[in-house]
Amino acid sequence: MNRFTEHGITFFAWLSGIVLIGVLCMLLSFLLYKGIPALNPSLIFAGTKPLNALLWQKDVVGGLFPAIVGTILLIVTSVIWAIPIGIASGIYLAEYCDLKWKPFFNFLLDLLAGIPSIVIGLFGFAVSVFLHKHLSEHIYPCFLISSLALACLVLPYIIRTTEQSLANLPFSIKTTGLALGISKLQNILFVLIPYNLSSIISGIILAIGRCAEDTAVIMLTGVVAMAGIPSSLLSQYEALPFYIFYISSDYSSQQELMKGFGASIMLLGICVFLFTISNILKKKVAIRFASHA
C-alpha cells in the first residue's frame, strides 16, 4: 500500500466520522429545538399532582406518565426474559456445540436477527389469539406477550455477544481452571463468565436500546392509548414509542405534534438513563475483576 492510498483511506475515515457526528448533532439539535418548549409538568402529569401520580394514588389521564412507566417496565421485563436464555445459548454455542452443527445454529441465529420486527409482532399477536381460543378467554394481547416478543427480538444481540466473548478468550484463561481440577461447568460459571461479564453487559446494553425504540412489535401485542399503568402481566399498557407514532401520524394541531417531540426527548432520556446505569455497572465489574486478578 503506497503512501497516497494510506492517506486517502485515513482522510475517508476522518470524513466519515465527521459526517456521522454532524448528522447526529443535527438530529439532536432539531429534536431539542422542537421538543424542549413542550416539556412541562402538564405534559407528563396532565391535571394530576405529581406526588399523587408518583405514589400511584391517582390515575393520570392525558399525560405521559403512564407511557413512561410502561416503557421502563417493558424494557426491564423484556431484558430479564432474554438474559438467561441468551447467555445460556451463547455458552452452548461457544463451549458445547458440535462443530458440524455450529454453522447450522449460526444460520438460525442470523435468520432470527434478520426477521423484521413486524413479523415478530404478528407472531406474538397470533400467539395471543391461540391462547385466547384454546387456553383462556381472558387472555388478549397484553404486556406479557409484548415483553416476550421483544425478548425474542433482542435475543441475537445477547447470544452473539456472549458467544464471541467466550470464543475469543485466551487459551490460558480457558484452561487454567481446568488444570486446577474444576469441572467444565464450574470453569464456565466461576471463571469464564465473570471474566467476560463486561462484554456480556455490552450485549445487554444493545438489547435495551432495541427494546426501547421498537414500535411494530408492541403495536400488535398489547399497547393501546389511554390504557394507564399496567396492573398485571395480562393487562394492556401505554408506551412512549407508540404514543410518538400515533401522535405524529394523526395529530390535529401543532400543539399535539409538539407533544410528540416532547415524548421523543423523554424516550431518549430513558435510553440515556438505562445506558448510563448499564455502563456504570460494566465499569464497576471490570474494575472489580481487575482488582481480584
C-alpha atoms as a PDB file:
ATOM      1  CA  MET A   1       0.000   0.000   0.000  1.00  0.00           C
ATOM      2  CA  ASN A   2       1.593   3.265  -1.111  1.00  0.00           C
ATOM      3  CA  ARG A   3       1.587   6.467   0.892  1.00  0.00           C
ATOM      4  CA  PHE A   4      -1.085   8.128  -1.255  1.00  0.00           C
ATOM      5  CA  THR A   5      -3.525   5.246  -0.716  1.00  0.00           C
ATOM      6  CA  GLU A   6      -2.873   5.249   3.039  1.00  0.00           C
ATOM      7  CA  HIS A   7      -3.545   8.991   3.291  1.00  0.00           C
ATOM      8  CA  GLY A   8      -6.694   8.579   1.177  1.00  0.00           C
ATOM      9  CA  ILE A   9      -8.074   5.887   3.469  1.00  0.00           C
ATOM     10  CA  THR A  10      -7.238   7.970   6.543  1.00  0.00           C
ATOM     11  CA  PHE A  11      -8.934  11.026   5.041  1.00  0.00           C
ATOM     12  CA  PHE A  12     -12.058   8.998   4.156  1.00  0.00           C
ATOM     13  CA  ALA A  13     -12.200   7.562   7.690  1.00  0.00           C
ATOM     14  CA  TRP A  14     -11.966  11.026   9.243  1.00  0.00           C
ATOM     15  CA  LEU A  15     -14.539  12.402   6.801  1.00  0.00           C
ATOM     16  CA  SER A  16     -16.957   9.563   7.595  1.00  0.00           C
ATOM     17  CA  GLY A  17     -16.578  10.172  11.324  1.00  0.00           C
ATOM     18  CA  ILE A  18     -17.154  13.912  10.931  1.00  0.00           C
ATOM     19  CA  VAL A  19     -20.257  13.337   8.777  1.00  0.00           C
ATOM     20  CA  LEU A  20     -21.639  10.842  11.306  1.00  0.00           C
ATOM     21  CA  ILE A  21     -21.089  13.198  14.243  1.00  0.00           C
ATOM     22  CA  GLY A  22     -22.525  16.106  12.255  1.00  0.00           C
ATOM     23  CA  VAL A  23     -25.707  14.213  11.357  1.00  0.00           C
ATOM     24  CA  LEU A  24     -26.107  13.111  14.976  1.00  0.00           C
ATOM     25  CA  CYS A  25     -25.675  16.669  16.238  1.00  0.00           C
ATOM     26  CA  MET A  26     -28.188  17.984  13.682  1.00  0.00           C
ATOM     27  CA  LEU A  27     -30.728  15.342  14.682  1.00  0.00           C
ATOM     28  CA  LEU A  28     -30.353  16.014  18.401  1.00  0.00           C
ATOM     29  CA  SER A  29     -30.416  19.782  17.877  1.00  0.00           C
ATOM     30  CA  PHE A  30     -33.627  19.579  15.851  1.00  0.00           C
ATOM     31  CA  LEU A  31     -35.247  17.284  18.414  1.00  0.00           C
ATOM     32  CA  LEU A  32     -34.271  19.527  21.327  1.00  0.00           C
ATOM     33  CA  TYR A  33     -35.339  22.675  19.467  1.00  0.00           C
ATOM     34  CA  LYS A  34     -38.790  21.245  18.785  1.00  0.00           C
ATOM     35  CA  GLY A  35     -39.286  19.279  21.977  1.00  0.00           C
ATOM     36  CA  ILE A  36     -37.949  21.385  24.838  1.00  0.00           C
ATOM     37  CA  PRO A  37     -40.733  24.023  24.617  1.00  0.00           C
ATOM     38  CA  ALA A  38     -43.279  21.223  25.057  1.00  0.00           C
ATOM     39  CA  LEU A  39     -41.623  19.816  28.186  1.00  0.00           C
ATOM     40  CA  ASN A  40     -43.586  20.819  31.265  1.00  0.00           C
ATOM     41  CA  PRO A  41     -45.271  19.064  34.194  1.00  0.00           C
ATOM     42  CA  SER A  42     -48.668  19.114  32.485  1.00  0.00           C
ATOM     43  CA  LEU A  43     -47.291  17.094  29.569  1.00  0.00           C
ATOM     44  CA  ILE A  44     -46.316  14.329  31.977  1.00  0.00           C
ATOM     45  CA  PHE A  45     -48.941  14.517  34.697  1.00  0.00           C
ATOM     46  CA  ALA A  46     -51.782  16.454  32.987  1.00  0.00           C
ATOM     47  CA  GLY A  47     -54.019  17.727  35.793  1.00  0.00           C
ATOM     48  CA  THR A  48     -52.823  15.241  38.396  1.00  0.00           C
ATOM     49  CA  LYS A  49     -50.494  16.307  41.189  1.00  0.00           C
ATOM     50  CA  PRO A  50     -47.023  14.831  40.562  1.00  0.00           C
ATOM     51  CA  LEU A  51     -46.748  13.350  44.070  1.00  0.00           C
ATOM     52  CA  ASN A  52     -50.097  11.595  43.730  1.00  0.00           C
ATOM     53  CA  ALA A  53     -49.057  10.184  40.378  1.00  0.00           C
ATOM     54  CA  LEU A  54     -45.636   9.030  41.590  1.00  0.00           C
ATOM     55  CA  LEU A  55     -47.210   7.283  44.578  1.00  0.00           C
ATOM     56  CA  TRP A  56     -49.869   5.754  42.273  1.00  0.00           C
ATOM     57  CA  GLN A  57     -52.612   7.299  44.381  1.00  0.00           C
ATOM     58  CA  LYS A  58     -54.415   8.758  41.375  1.00  0.00           C
ATOM     59  CA  ASP A  59     -54.526   7.802  37.707  1.00  0.00           C
ATOM     60  CA  VAL A  60     -53.003  10.182  35.184  1.00  0.00           C
ATOM     61  CA  VAL A  61     -55.347  10.780  32.260  1.00  0.00           C
ATOM     62  CA  GLY A  62     -53.999  12.688  29.266  1.00  0.00           C
ATOM     63  CA  GLY A  63     -50.388  12.817  30.473  1.00  0.00           C
ATOM     64  CA  LEU A  64     -47.334  10.804  29.515  1.00  0.00           C
ATOM     65  CA  PHE A  65     -46.632   9.389  32.966  1.00  0.00           C
ATOM     66  CA  PRO A  66     -48.324   6.001  32.275  1.00  0.00           C
ATOM     67  CA  ALA A  67     -46.439   5.714  28.972  1.00  0.00           C
ATOM     68  CA  ILE A  68     -43.116   6.480  30.694  1.00  0.00           C
ATOM     69  CA  VAL A  69     -43.737   3.866  33.385  1.00  0.00           C
ATOM     70  CA  GLY A  70     -44.967   1.349  30.802  1.00  0.00           C
ATOM     71  CA  THR A  71     -41.875   1.884  28.646  1.00  0.00           C
ATOM     72  CA  ILE A  72     -39.451   1.359  31.542  1.00  0.00           C
ATOM     73  CA  LEU A  73     -41.315  -1.726  32.774  1.00  0.00           C
ATOM     74  CA  LEU A  74     -41.441  -3.162  29.253  1.00  0.00           C
ATOM     75  CA  ILE A  75     -37.714  -2.682  28.646  1.00  0.00           C
ATOM     76  CA  VAL A  76     -36.706  -4.165  32.008  1.00  0.00           C
ATOM     77  CA  THR A  77     -39.091  -7.121  31.735  1.00  0.00           C
ATOM     78  CA  SER A  78     -38.061  -7.955  28.158  1.00  0.00           C
ATOM     79  CA  VAL A  79     -34.365  -7.869  29.026  1.00  0.00           C
ATOM     80  CA  ILE A  80     -34.995 -10.043  32.109  1.00  0.00           C
ATOM     81  CA  TRP A  81     -36.664 -12.681  29.903  1.00  0.00           C
ATOM     82  CA  ALA A  82     -33.853 -12.503  27.326  1.00  0.00           C
ATOM     83  CA  ILE A  83     -30.773 -12.525  29.597  1.00  0.00           C
ATOM     84  CA  PRO A  84     -30.837 -16.134  30.924  1.00  0.00           C
ATOM     85  CA  ILE A  85     -31.830 -17.656  27.563  1.00  0.00           C
ATOM     86  CA  GLY A  86     -29.356 -15.507  25.638  1.00  0.00           C
ATOM     87  CA  ILE A  87     -26.400 -16.164  27.932  1.00  0.00           C
ATOM     88  CA  ALA A  88     -27.161 -19.906  28.134  1.00  0.00           C
ATOM     89  CA  SER A  89     -27.434 -20.127  24.335  1.00  0.00           C
ATOM     90  CA  GLY A  90     -24.180 -18.211  23.889  1.00  0.00           C
ATOM     91  CA  ILE A  91     -22.420 -20.562  26.312  1.00  0.00           C
ATOM     92  CA  TYR A  92     -23.733 -23.577  24.416  1.00  0.00           C
ATOM     93  CA  LEU A  93     -22.557 -22.258  21.042  1.00  0.00           C
ATOM     94  CA  ALA A  94     -19.118 -21.335  22.383  1.00  0.00           C
ATOM     95  CA  GLU A  95     -18.368 -24.299  24.645  1.00  0.00           C
ATOM     96  CA  TYR A  96     -20.651 -27.262  23.976  1.00  0.00           C
ATOM     97  CA  CYS A  97     -21.915 -27.145  20.402  1.00  0.00           C
ATOM     98  CA  ASP A  98     -20.525 -29.757  17.992  1.00  0.00           C
ATOM     99  CA  LEU A  99     -18.502 -28.091  15.243  1.00  0.00           C
ATOM    100  CA  LYS A 100     -20.551 -29.758  12.498  1.00  0.00           C
ATOM    101  CA  TRP A 101     -23.765 -28.295  13.933  1.00  0.00           C
ATOM    102  CA  LYS A 102     -22.394 -24.841  14.718  1.00  0.00           C
ATOM    103  CA  PRO A 103     -22.845 -23.383  11.178  1.00  0.00           C
ATOM    104  CA  PHE A 104     -26.475 -24.515  11.242  1.00  0.00           C
ATOM    105  CA  PHE A 105     -27.159 -22.832  14.595  1.00  0.00           C
ATOM    106  CA  ASN A 106     -25.312 -19.705  13.486  1.00  0.00           C
ATOM    107  CA  PHE A 107     -27.508 -19.615  10.384  1.00  0.00           C
ATOM    108  CA  LEU A 108     -30.631 -19.846  12.550  1.00  0.00           C
ATOM    109  CA  LEU A 109     -29.295 -17.087  14.800  1.00  0.00           C
ATOM    110  CA  ASP A 110     -28.586 -14.820  11.827  1.00  0.00           C
ATOM    111  CA  LEU A 111     -32.048 -15.603  10.485  1.00  0.00           C
ATOM    112  CA  LEU A 112     -33.621 -14.610  13.801  1.00  0.00           C
ATOM    113  CA  ALA A 113     -31.608 -11.387  13.832  1.00  0.00           C
ATOM    114  CA  GLY A 114     -32.798 -10.564  10.318  1.00  0.00           C
ATOM    115  CA  ILE A 115     -36.509 -11.151  10.876  1.00  0.00           C
ATOM    116  CA  PRO A 116     -38.397  -7.828  10.607  1.00  0.00           C
ATOM    117  CA  SER A 117     -39.902  -6.682  13.880  1.00  0.00           C
ATOM    118  CA  ILE A 118     -43.372  -6.513  12.322  1.00  0.00           C
ATOM    119  CA  VAL A 119     -43.185 -10.273  11.670  1.00  0.00           C
ATOM    120  CA  ILE A 120     -42.300 -10.940  15.295  1.00  0.00           C
ATOM    121  CA  GLY A 121     -45.165  -8.691  16.331  1.00  0.00           C
ATOM    122  CA  LEU A 122     -47.534 -10.629  14.065  1.00  0.00           C
ATOM    123  CA  PHE A 123     -46.293 -13.885  15.588  1.00  0.00           C
ATOM    124  CA  GLY A 124     -46.941 -12.513  19.085  1.00  0.00           C
ATOM    125  CA  PHE A 125     -50.447 -11.483  18.016  1.00  0.00           C
ATOM    126  CA  ALA A 126     -51.069 -14.998  16.624  1.00  0.00           C
ATOM    127  CA  VAL A 127     -49.899 -16.498  19.922  1.00  0.00           C
ATOM    128  CA  SER A 128     -52.322 -14.292  21.857  1.00  0.00           C
ATOM    129  CA  VAL A 129     -55.183 -15.365  19.573  1.00  0.00           C
ATOM    130  CA  PHE A 130     -54.242 -19.032  20.028  1.00  0.00           C
ATOM    131  CA  LEU A 131     -54.069 -18.695  23.820  1.00  0.00           C
ATOM    132  CA  HIS A 132     -57.366 -16.813  23.888  1.00  0.00           C
ATOM    133  CA  LYS A 133     -59.053 -19.581  21.910  1.00  0.00           C
ATOM    134  CA  HIS A 134     -57.512 -22.668  23.484  1.00  0.00           C
ATOM    135  CA  LEU A 135     -56.356 -21.693  26.987  1.00  0.00           C
ATOM    136  CA  SER A 136     -58.400 -18.835  28.455  1.00  0.00           C
ATOM    137  CA  GLU A 137     -60.867 -16.287  27.136  1.00  0.00           C
ATOM    138  CA  HIS A 138     -59.298 -13.720  29.462  1.00  0.00           C
ATOM    139  CA  ILE A 139     -56.023 -13.700  27.504  1.00  0.00           C
ATOM    140  CA  TYR A 140     -55.685 -10.910  24.946  1.00  0.00           C
ATOM    141  CA  PRO A 141     -52.688  -9.031  23.508  1.00  0.00           C
ATOM    142  CA  CYS A 142     -51.071  -7.823  26.713  1.00  0.00           C
ATOM    143  CA  PHE A 143     -47.931  -6.702  28.490  1.00  0.00           C
ATOM    144  CA  LEU A 144     -46.643 -10.277  28.936  1.00  0.00           C
ATOM    145  CA  ILE A 145     -46.887 -11.147  25.244  1.00  0.00           C
ATOM    146  CA  SER A 146     -45.268  -7.834  24.266  1.00  0.00           C
ATOM    147  CA  SER A 147     -42.334  -8.411  26.607  1.00  0.00           C
ATOM    148  CA  LEU A 148     -41.828 -11.989  25.392  1.00  0.00           C
ATOM    149  CA  ALA A 149     -41.976 -10.883  21.755  1.00  0.00           C
ATOM    150  CA  LEU A 150     -39.401  -8.149  22.411  1.00  0.00           C
ATOM    151  CA  ALA A 151     -37.233 -10.707  24.218  1.00  0.00           C
ATOM    152  CA  CYS A 152     -37.234 -12.818  21.036  1.00  0.00           C
ATOM    153  CA  LEU A 153     -36.292  -9.702  19.070  1.00  0.00           C
ATOM    154  CA  VAL A 154     -33.211  -8.932  21.190  1.00  0.00           C
ATOM    155  CA  LEU A 155     -32.005 -12.488  21.830  1.00  0.00           C
ATOM    156  CA  PRO A 156     -29.492 -12.436  18.925  1.00  0.00           C
ATOM    157  CA  TYR A 157     -27.620  -9.487  20.461  1.00  0.00           C
ATOM    158  CA  ILE A 158     -27.083 -11.227  23.802  1.00  0.00           C
ATOM    159  CA  ILE A 159     -26.381 -14.656  22.261  1.00  0.00           C
ATOM    160  CA  ARG A 160     -23.836 -13.348  19.772  1.00  0.00           C
ATOM    161  CA  THR A 161     -22.076 -11.130  22.316  1.00  0.00           C
ATOM    162  CA  THR A 162     -21.806 -13.977  24.828  1.00  0.00           C
ATOM    163  CA  GLU A 163     -20.599 -16.449  22.204  1.00  0.00           C
ATOM    164  CA  GLN A 164     -17.966 -14.139  20.743  1.00  0.00           C
ATOM    165  CA  SER A 165     -16.649 -13.031  24.139  1.00  0.00           C
ATOM    166  CA  LEU A 166     -16.186 -16.664  25.243  1.00  0.00           C
ATOM    167  CA  ALA A 167     -14.761 -17.827  21.898  1.00  0.00           C
ATOM    168  CA  ASN A 168     -12.142 -15.042  21.836  1.00  0.00           C
ATOM    169  CA  LEU A 169     -10.751 -15.746  25.305  1.00  0.00           C
ATOM    170  CA  PRO A 170      -7.048 -16.547  25.529  1.00  0.00           C
ATOM    171  CA  PHE A 171      -6.314 -20.272  25.723  1.00  0.00           C
ATOM    172  CA  SER A 172      -4.556 -19.818  29.059  1.00  0.00           C
ATOM    173  CA  ILE A 173      -7.679 -18.327  30.663  1.00  0.00           C
ATOM    174  CA  LYS A 174      -9.834 -21.188  29.367  1.00  0.00           C
ATOM    175  CA  THR A 175      -7.552 -23.941  30.604  1.00  0.00           C
ATOM    176  CA  THR A 176      -6.129 -22.660  33.901  1.00  0.00           C
ATOM    177  CA  GLY A 177      -9.198 -23.597  35.952  1.00  0.00           C
ATOM    178  CA  LEU A 178      -9.465 -26.981  34.266  1.00  0.00           C
ATOM    179  CA  ALA A 179      -5.796 -27.683  35.035  1.00  0.00           C
ATOM    180  CA  LEU A 180      -6.519 -26.995  38.714  1.00  0.00           C
ATOM    181  CA  GLY A 181      -9.187 -29.691  38.762  1.00  0.00           C
ATOM    182  CA  ILE A 182     -12.523 -27.881  38.471  1.00  0.00           C
ATOM    183  CA  SER A 183     -15.210 -29.153  36.107  1.00  0.00           C
ATOM    184  CA  LYS A 184     -16.033 -27.570  32.784  1.00  0.00           C
ATOM    185  CA  LEU A 185     -19.310 -26.161  34.108  1.00  0.00           C
ATOM    186  CA  GLN A 186     -17.568 -24.694  37.171  1.00  0.00           C
ATOM    187  CA  ASN A 187     -14.933 -23.200  34.901  1.00  0.00           C
ATOM    188  CA  ILE A 188     -17.631 -21.514  32.810  1.00  0.00           C
ATOM    189  CA  LEU A 189     -19.663 -20.225  35.755  1.00  0.00           C
ATOM    190  CA  PHE A 190     -16.845 -19.082  38.058  1.00  0.00           C
ATOM    191  CA  VAL A 191     -14.043 -18.161  35.635  1.00  0.00           C
ATOM    192  CA  LEU A 192     -15.145 -17.517  32.062  1.00  0.00           C
ATOM    193  CA  ILE A 193     -18.444 -15.726  32.732  1.00  0.00           C
ATOM    194  CA  PRO A 194     -17.010 -13.353  35.405  1.00  0.00           C
ATOM    195  CA  TYR A 195     -14.024 -12.664  33.141  1.00  0.00           C
ATOM    196  CA  ASN A 196     -16.372 -11.790  30.248  1.00  0.00           C
ATOM    197  CA  LEU A 197     -19.138 -10.115  32.229  1.00  0.00           C
ATOM    198  CA  SER A 198     -18.182  -6.686  30.938  1.00  0.00           C
ATOM    199  CA  SER A 199     -18.551  -7.842  27.314  1.00  0.00           C
ATOM    200  CA  ILE A 200     -21.837  -9.604  28.065  1.00  0.00           C
ATOM    201  CA  ILE A 201     -23.214  -6.393  29.562  1.00  0.00           C
ATOM    202  CA  SER A 202     -22.392  -4.702  26.235  1.00  0.00           C
ATOM    203  CA  GLY A 203     -24.836  -7.070  24.550  1.00  0.00           C
ATOM    204  CA  ILE A 204     -27.444  -6.265  27.185  1.00  0.00           C
ATOM    205  CA  ILE A 205     -26.966  -2.544  26.504  1.00  0.00           C
ATOM    206  CA  LEU A 206     -27.681  -3.156  22.806  1.00  0.00           C
ATOM    207  CA  ALA A 207     -30.775  -5.129  23.796  1.00  0.00           C
ATOM    208  CA  ILE A 208     -32.010  -2.223  25.941  1.00  0.00           C
ATOM    209  CA  GLY A 209     -31.768   0.172  23.010  1.00  0.00           C
ATOM    210  CA  ARG A 210     -33.563  -2.252  20.691  1.00  0.00           C
ATOM    211  CA  CYS A 211     -36.404  -2.741  23.172  1.00  0.00           C
ATOM    212  CA  ALA A 212     -36.805   0.980  23.748  1.00  0.00           C
ATOM    213  CA  GLU A 213     -37.229   2.010  20.130  1.00  0.00           C
ATOM    214  CA  ASP A 214     -39.416  -0.739  18.677  1.00  0.00           C
ATOM    215  CA  THR A 215     -42.999   0.113  17.813  1.00  0.00           C
ATOM    216  CA  ALA A 216     -44.134  -2.604  15.401  1.00  0.00           C
ATOM    217  CA  VAL A 217     -43.928  -5.424  17.954  1.00  0.00           C
ATOM    218  CA  ILE A 218     -45.796  -3.689  20.750  1.00  0.00           C
ATOM    219  CA  MET A 219     -48.389  -2.227  18.384  1.00  0.00           C
ATOM    220  CA  LEU A 220     -49.588  -5.756  17.584  1.00  0.00           C
ATOM    221  CA  THR A 221     -49.184  -7.329  21.004  1.00  0.00           C
ATOM    222  CA  GLY A 222     -50.818  -5.155  23.618  1.00  0.00           C
ATOM    223  CA  VAL A 223     -50.020  -1.441  23.624  1.00  0.00           C
ATOM    224  CA  VAL A 224     -53.002   0.922  23.416  1.00  0.00           C
ATOM    225  CA  ALA A 225     -53.648   4.589  24.028  1.00  0.00           C
ATOM    226  CA  MET A 226     -55.082   5.669  27.387  1.00  0.00           C
ATOM    227  CA  ALA A 227     -54.619   2.238  28.987  1.00  0.00           C
ATOM    228  CA  GLY A 228     -52.872   3.575  32.078  1.00  0.00           C
ATOM    229  CA  ILE A 229     -50.121   1.870  34.046  1.00  0.00           C
ATOM    230  CA  PRO A 230     -50.227  -1.928  33.591  1.00  0.00           C
ATOM    231  CA  SER A 231     -51.751  -3.555  36.672  1.00  0.00           C
ATOM    232  CA  SER A 232     -50.611  -7.085  35.780  1.00  0.00           C
ATOM    233  CA  LEU A 233     -48.729  -9.049  33.138  1.00  0.00           C
ATOM    234  CA  LEU A 234     -52.011  -9.761  31.350  1.00  0.00           C
ATOM    235  CA  SER A 235     -53.168  -6.142  31.158  1.00  0.00           C
ATOM    236  CA  GLN A 236     -52.733  -3.675  28.322  1.00  0.00           C
ATOM    237  CA  TYR A 237     -50.420  -0.715  28.728  1.00  0.00           C
ATOM    238  CA  GLU A 238     -49.088   2.518  27.273  1.00  0.00           C
ATOM    239  CA  ALA A 239     -45.604   3.106  25.839  1.00  0.00           C
ATOM    240  CA  LEU A 240     -43.755   6.133  24.506  1.00  0.00           C
ATOM    241  CA  PRO A 241     -42.813   4.689  21.054  1.00  0.00           C
ATOM    242  CA  PHE A 242     -46.473   4.005  20.280  1.00  0.00           C
ATOM    243  CA  TYR A 243     -47.509   7.422  21.591  1.00  0.00           C
ATOM    244  CA  ILE A 244     -44.956   9.087  19.302  1.00  0.00           C
ATOM    245  CA  PHE A 245     -46.212   7.020  16.365  1.00  0.00           C
ATOM    246  CA  TYR A 246     -49.893   7.810  16.665  1.00  0.00           C
ATOM    247  CA  ILE A 247     -49.366  11.473  17.584  1.00  0.00           C
ATOM    248  CA  SER A 248     -47.109  12.045  14.573  1.00  0.00           C
ATOM    249  CA  SER A 249     -49.481  10.197  12.228  1.00  0.00           C
ATOM    250  CA  ASP A 250     -52.790  11.602  13.486  1.00  0.00           C
ATOM    251  CA  TYR A 251     -52.223  14.966  15.153  1.00  0.00           C
ATOM    252  CA  SER A 252     -54.956  17.571  14.894  1.00  0.00           C
ATOM    253  CA  SER A 253     -52.949  20.644  15.848  1.00  0.00           C
ATOM    254  CA  GLN A 254     -49.400  21.908  16.045  1.00  0.00           C
ATOM    255  CA  GLN A 255     -49.598  21.699  19.833  1.00  0.00           C
ATOM    256  CA  GLU A 256     -50.269  17.948  19.681  1.00  0.00           C
ATOM    257  CA  LEU A 257     -47.304  17.484  17.332  1.00  0.00           C
ATOM    258  CA  MET A 258     -45.092  19.324  19.812  1.00  0.00           C
ATOM    259  CA  LYS A 259     -46.159  16.764  22.439  1.00  0.00           C
ATOM    260  CA  GLY A 260     -44.758  14.091  20.143  1.00  0.00           C
ATOM    261  CA  PHE A 261     -41.394  15.859  20.106  1.00  0.00           C
ATOM    262  CA  GLY A 262     -41.535  16.138  23.892  1.00  0.00           C
ATOM    263  CA  ALA A 263     -42.270  12.409  24.155  1.00  0.00           C
ATOM    264  CA  SER A 264     -39.291  11.730  21.871  1.00  0.00           C
ATOM    265  CA  ILE A 265     -36.994  13.622  24.229  1.00  0.00           C
ATOM    266  CA  MET A 266     -38.372  11.627  27.173  1.00  0.00           C
ATOM    267  CA  LEU A 267     -37.785   8.335  25.343  1.00  0.00           C
ATOM    268  CA  LEU A 268     -34.254   9.443  24.541  1.00  0.00           C
ATOM    269  CA  GLY A 269     -33.774  10.388  28.199  1.00  0.00           C
ATOM    270  CA  ILE A 270     -34.955   6.948  29.353  1.00  0.00           C
ATOM    271  CA  CYS A 271     -32.468   5.291  26.980  1.00  0.00           C
ATOM    272  CA  VAL A 272     -29.636   7.522  28.202  1.00  0.00           C
ATOM    273  CA  PHE A 273     -30.582   6.763  31.818  1.00  0.00           C
ATOM    274  CA  LEU A 274     -30.615   2.987  31.270  1.00  0.00           C
ATOM    275  CA  PHE A 275     -27.416   3.117  29.178  1.00  0.00           C
ATOM    276  CA  THR A 276     -25.695   5.110  31.919  1.00  0.00           C
ATOM    277  CA  ILE A 277     -26.671   2.612  34.617  1.00  0.00           C
ATOM    278  CA  SER A 278     -25.519  -0.282  32.424  1.00  0.00           C
ATOM    279  CA  ASN A 279     -22.187   1.367  31.646  1.00  0.00           C
ATOM    280  CA  ILE A 280     -21.564   2.194  35.316  1.00  0.00           C
ATOM    281  CA  LEU A 281     -22.252  -1.436  36.175  1.00  0.00           C
ATOM    282  CA  LYS A 282     -19.989  -2.539  33.337  1.00  0.00           C
ATOM    283  CA  LYS A 283     -17.100  -0.371  34.565  1.00  0.00           C
ATOM    284  CA  LYS A 284     -17.558  -1.498  38.170  1.00  0.00           C
ATOM    285  CA  VAL A 285     -17.489  -5.131  37.089  1.00  0.00           C
ATOM    286  CA  ALA A 286     -14.314  -4.535  35.060  1.00  0.00           C
ATOM    287  CA  ILE A 287     -12.613  -2.687  37.945  1.00  0.00           C
ATOM    288  CA  ARG A 288     -13.630  -5.323  40.477  1.00  0.00           C
ATOM    289  CA  PHE A 289     -12.363  -8.148  38.290  1.00  0.00           C
ATOM    290  CA  ALA A 290      -9.081  -6.309  37.619  1.00  0.00           C
ATOM    291  CA  SER A 291      -8.557  -5.811  41.364  1.00  0.00           C
ATOM    292  CA  HIS A 292      -9.031  -9.547  42.018  1.00  0.00           C
ATOM    293  CA  ALA A 293      -6.969 -10.685  39.061  1.00  0.00           C
END
